[in-house]
C-alpha cells in the first residue's frame, strides 16, 4: 500500500555524515518527491526534510539507513492509505 511520508533529519557535525546521507537519499531517488535543507552553521548542525511516496517497507528502509549514520537523528510521519487505493483484505 502506497503512503506519503515526511522524513525529518537533524545532522550534528554534518561534515561527518553529509556525503553518506546524500548517497543514501540518492539511492532511493525513485520515491523522493522533494527535499529541503537548512544549515545552521553557528550550531554546526543541518536540518533536512524529505517528502517521499512509497510502500511502508521502502520508507522504513530509507529511514533506518539514515538513522544508523553517526550524528544523525531521524523521525518520520507517515500517512494512512492514499485516497483511491483499495484496501487489502
C-alpha atoms as a PDB file:
ATOM      1  CA  UNK A   1       0.000   0.000   0.000  1.00  0.00           C
ATOM      2  CA  UNK A   2       1.449   3.347  -1.051  1.00  0.00           C
ATOM      3  CA  UNK A   3       1.925   6.091   1.559  1.00  0.00           C
ATOM      4  CA  UNK A   4       3.140   9.667   1.721  1.00  0.00           C
ATOM      5  CA  UNK A   5       5.780  10.375   4.350  1.00  0.00           C
ATOM      6  CA  UNK A   6       7.869  13.257   5.613  1.00  0.00           C
ATOM      7  CA  UNK A   7      11.286  12.328   6.946  1.00  0.00           C
ATOM      8  CA  UNK A   8      12.876  14.894   9.241  1.00  0.00           C
ATOM      9  CA  UNK A   9      16.591  14.603   9.943  1.00  0.00           C
ATOM     10  CA  UNK A  10      18.999  16.551  12.129  1.00  0.00           C
ATOM     11  CA  UNK A  11      22.667  16.187  11.283  1.00  0.00           C
ATOM     12  CA  UNK A  12      25.054  17.179  14.062  1.00  0.00           C
ATOM     13  CA  UNK A  13      28.548  17.826  12.695  1.00  0.00           C
ATOM     14  CA  UNK A  14      27.176  17.461   9.144  1.00  0.00           C
ATOM     15  CA  UNK A  15      30.659  17.388   7.610  1.00  0.00           C
ATOM     16  CA  UNK A  16      30.994  13.866   9.086  1.00  0.00           C
ATOM     17  CA  UNK A  17      27.772  12.406   7.669  1.00  0.00           C
ATOM     18  CA  UNK A  18      26.539  14.646   4.832  1.00  0.00           C
ATOM     19  CA  UNK A  19      28.124  12.646   1.987  1.00  0.00           C
ATOM     20  CA  UNK A  20      26.813   9.298   3.259  1.00  0.00           C
ATOM     21  CA  UNK A  21      23.403  10.885   3.944  1.00  0.00           C
ATOM     22  CA  UNK A  22      23.203  12.226   0.379  1.00  0.00           C
ATOM     23  CA  UNK A  23      24.364   8.904  -1.088  1.00  0.00           C
ATOM     24  CA  UNK A  24      21.624   7.025   0.771  1.00  0.00           C
ATOM     25  CA  UNK A  25      18.911   9.506  -0.261  1.00  0.00           C
ATOM     26  CA  UNK A  26      20.129   9.300  -3.876  1.00  0.00           C
ATOM     27  CA  UNK A  27      19.833   5.514  -3.813  1.00  0.00           C
ATOM     28  CA  UNK A  28      16.100   5.970  -3.003  1.00  0.00           C
ATOM     29  CA  UNK A  29      15.554   8.665  -5.683  1.00  0.00           C
ATOM     30  CA  UNK A  30      12.580   6.767  -7.115  1.00  0.00           C
ATOM     31  CA  UNK A  31      10.444   7.599  -4.072  1.00  0.00           C
ATOM     32  CA  UNK A  32      11.798  11.079  -3.235  1.00  0.00           C
ATOM     33  CA  UNK A  33       9.390  13.857  -4.258  1.00  0.00           C
ATOM     34  CA  UNK A  34      11.064  16.829  -2.556  1.00  0.00           C
ATOM     35  CA  UNK A  35      13.833  17.826  -0.209  1.00  0.00           C
ATOM     36  CA  UNK A  36      14.691  20.932   1.792  1.00  0.00           C
ATOM     37  CA  UNK A  37      17.841  21.505   3.807  1.00  0.00           C
ATOM     38  CA  UNK A  38      18.628  24.312   6.215  1.00  0.00           C
ATOM     39  CA  UNK A  39      22.185  24.761   7.501  1.00  0.00           C
ATOM     40  CA  UNK A  40      22.738  26.146  10.994  1.00  0.00           C
ATOM     41  CA  UNK A  41      26.417  26.997  10.639  1.00  0.00           C
ATOM     42  CA  UNK A  42      26.751  28.585  14.087  1.00  0.00           C
ATOM     43  CA  UNK A  43      25.475  25.392  15.718  1.00  0.00           C
ATOM     44  CA  UNK A  44      27.361  23.049  13.324  1.00  0.00           C
ATOM     45  CA  UNK A  45      24.031  21.396  12.519  1.00  0.00           C
ATOM     46  CA  UNK A  46      21.845  20.855   9.459  1.00  0.00           C
ATOM     47  CA  UNK A  47      18.107  20.172   9.335  1.00  0.00           C
ATOM     48  CA  UNK A  48      16.744  18.255   6.344  1.00  0.00           C
ATOM     49  CA  UNK A  49      13.158  17.454   5.383  1.00  0.00           C
ATOM     50  CA  UNK A  50      12.451  14.832   2.699  1.00  0.00           C
ATOM     51  CA  UNK A  51       8.998  14.082   1.254  1.00  0.00           C
ATOM     52  CA  UNK A  52       8.560  10.581  -0.187  1.00  0.00           C
ATOM     53  CA  UNK A  53       5.843   8.318  -1.576  1.00  0.00           C
ATOM     54  CA  UNK A  54       6.106   4.548  -1.483  1.00  0.00           C
ATOM     55  CA  UNK A  55       5.366   1.389   0.417  1.00  0.00           C
ATOM     56  CA  UNK A  56       5.999   1.148   4.146  1.00  0.00           C
ATOM     57  CA  UNK A  57       8.893  -1.277   3.662  1.00  0.00           C
ATOM     58  CA  UNK A  58      10.772   1.111   1.368  1.00  0.00           C
ATOM     59  CA  UNK A  59      10.070   4.171   3.543  1.00  0.00           C
ATOM     60  CA  UNK A  60      11.212   2.284   6.640  1.00  0.00           C
ATOM     61  CA  UNK A  61      14.336   1.043   4.842  1.00  0.00           C
ATOM     62  CA  UNK A  62      15.308   4.617   3.933  1.00  0.00           C
ATOM     63  CA  UNK A  63      14.590   5.909   7.436  1.00  0.00           C
ATOM     64  CA  UNK A  64      16.503   3.042   9.035  1.00  0.00           C
ATOM     65  CA  UNK A  65      19.597   3.522   6.896  1.00  0.00           C
ATOM     66  CA  UNK A  66      19.658   7.270   7.569  1.00  0.00           C
ATOM     67  CA  UNK A  67      19.166   6.756  11.305  1.00  0.00           C
ATOM     68  CA  UNK A  68      22.202   4.458  11.516  1.00  0.00           C
ATOM     69  CA  UNK A  69      24.562   7.230  10.430  1.00  0.00           C
ATOM     70  CA  UNK A  70      26.646   8.739  13.250  1.00  0.00           C
ATOM     71  CA  UNK A  71      25.338  12.099  14.453  1.00  0.00           C
ATOM     72  CA  UNK A  72      22.034  11.760  12.558  1.00  0.00           C
ATOM     73  CA  UNK A  73      18.625  11.789  14.271  1.00  0.00           C
ATOM     74  CA  UNK A  74      15.619  10.836  12.126  1.00  0.00           C
ATOM     75  CA  UNK A  75      11.854  10.962  12.693  1.00  0.00           C
ATOM     76  CA  UNK A  76       9.165  10.072  10.156  1.00  0.00           C
ATOM     77  CA  UNK A  77       5.484  10.950   9.817  1.00  0.00           C
ATOM     78  CA  UNK A  78       3.556   8.559   7.541  1.00  0.00           C
ATOM     79  CA  UNK A  79       0.070   8.993   6.039  1.00  0.00           C
ATOM     80  CA  UNK A  80      -2.718   6.460   6.063  1.00  0.00           C
ATOM     81  CA  UNK A  81      -3.545   4.731   2.787  1.00  0.00           C
ATOM     82  CA  UNK A  82      -3.707   7.070  -0.168  1.00  0.00           C
ATOM     83  CA  UNK A  83      -7.134   8.129  -1.454  1.00  0.00           C
ATOM     84  CA  UNK A  84      -8.396   5.963  -4.253  1.00  0.00           C
ATOM     85  CA  UNK A  85      -6.408   2.910  -3.194  1.00  0.00           C
ATOM     86  CA  UNK A  86      -8.218  -0.307  -2.479  1.00  0.00           C
ATOM     87  CA  UNK A  87      -7.681  -1.708   0.982  1.00  0.00           C
ATOM     88  CA  UNK A  88      -6.046  -5.141   1.198  1.00  0.00           C
ATOM     89  CA  UNK A  89      -8.250  -7.751   2.860  1.00  0.00           C
END
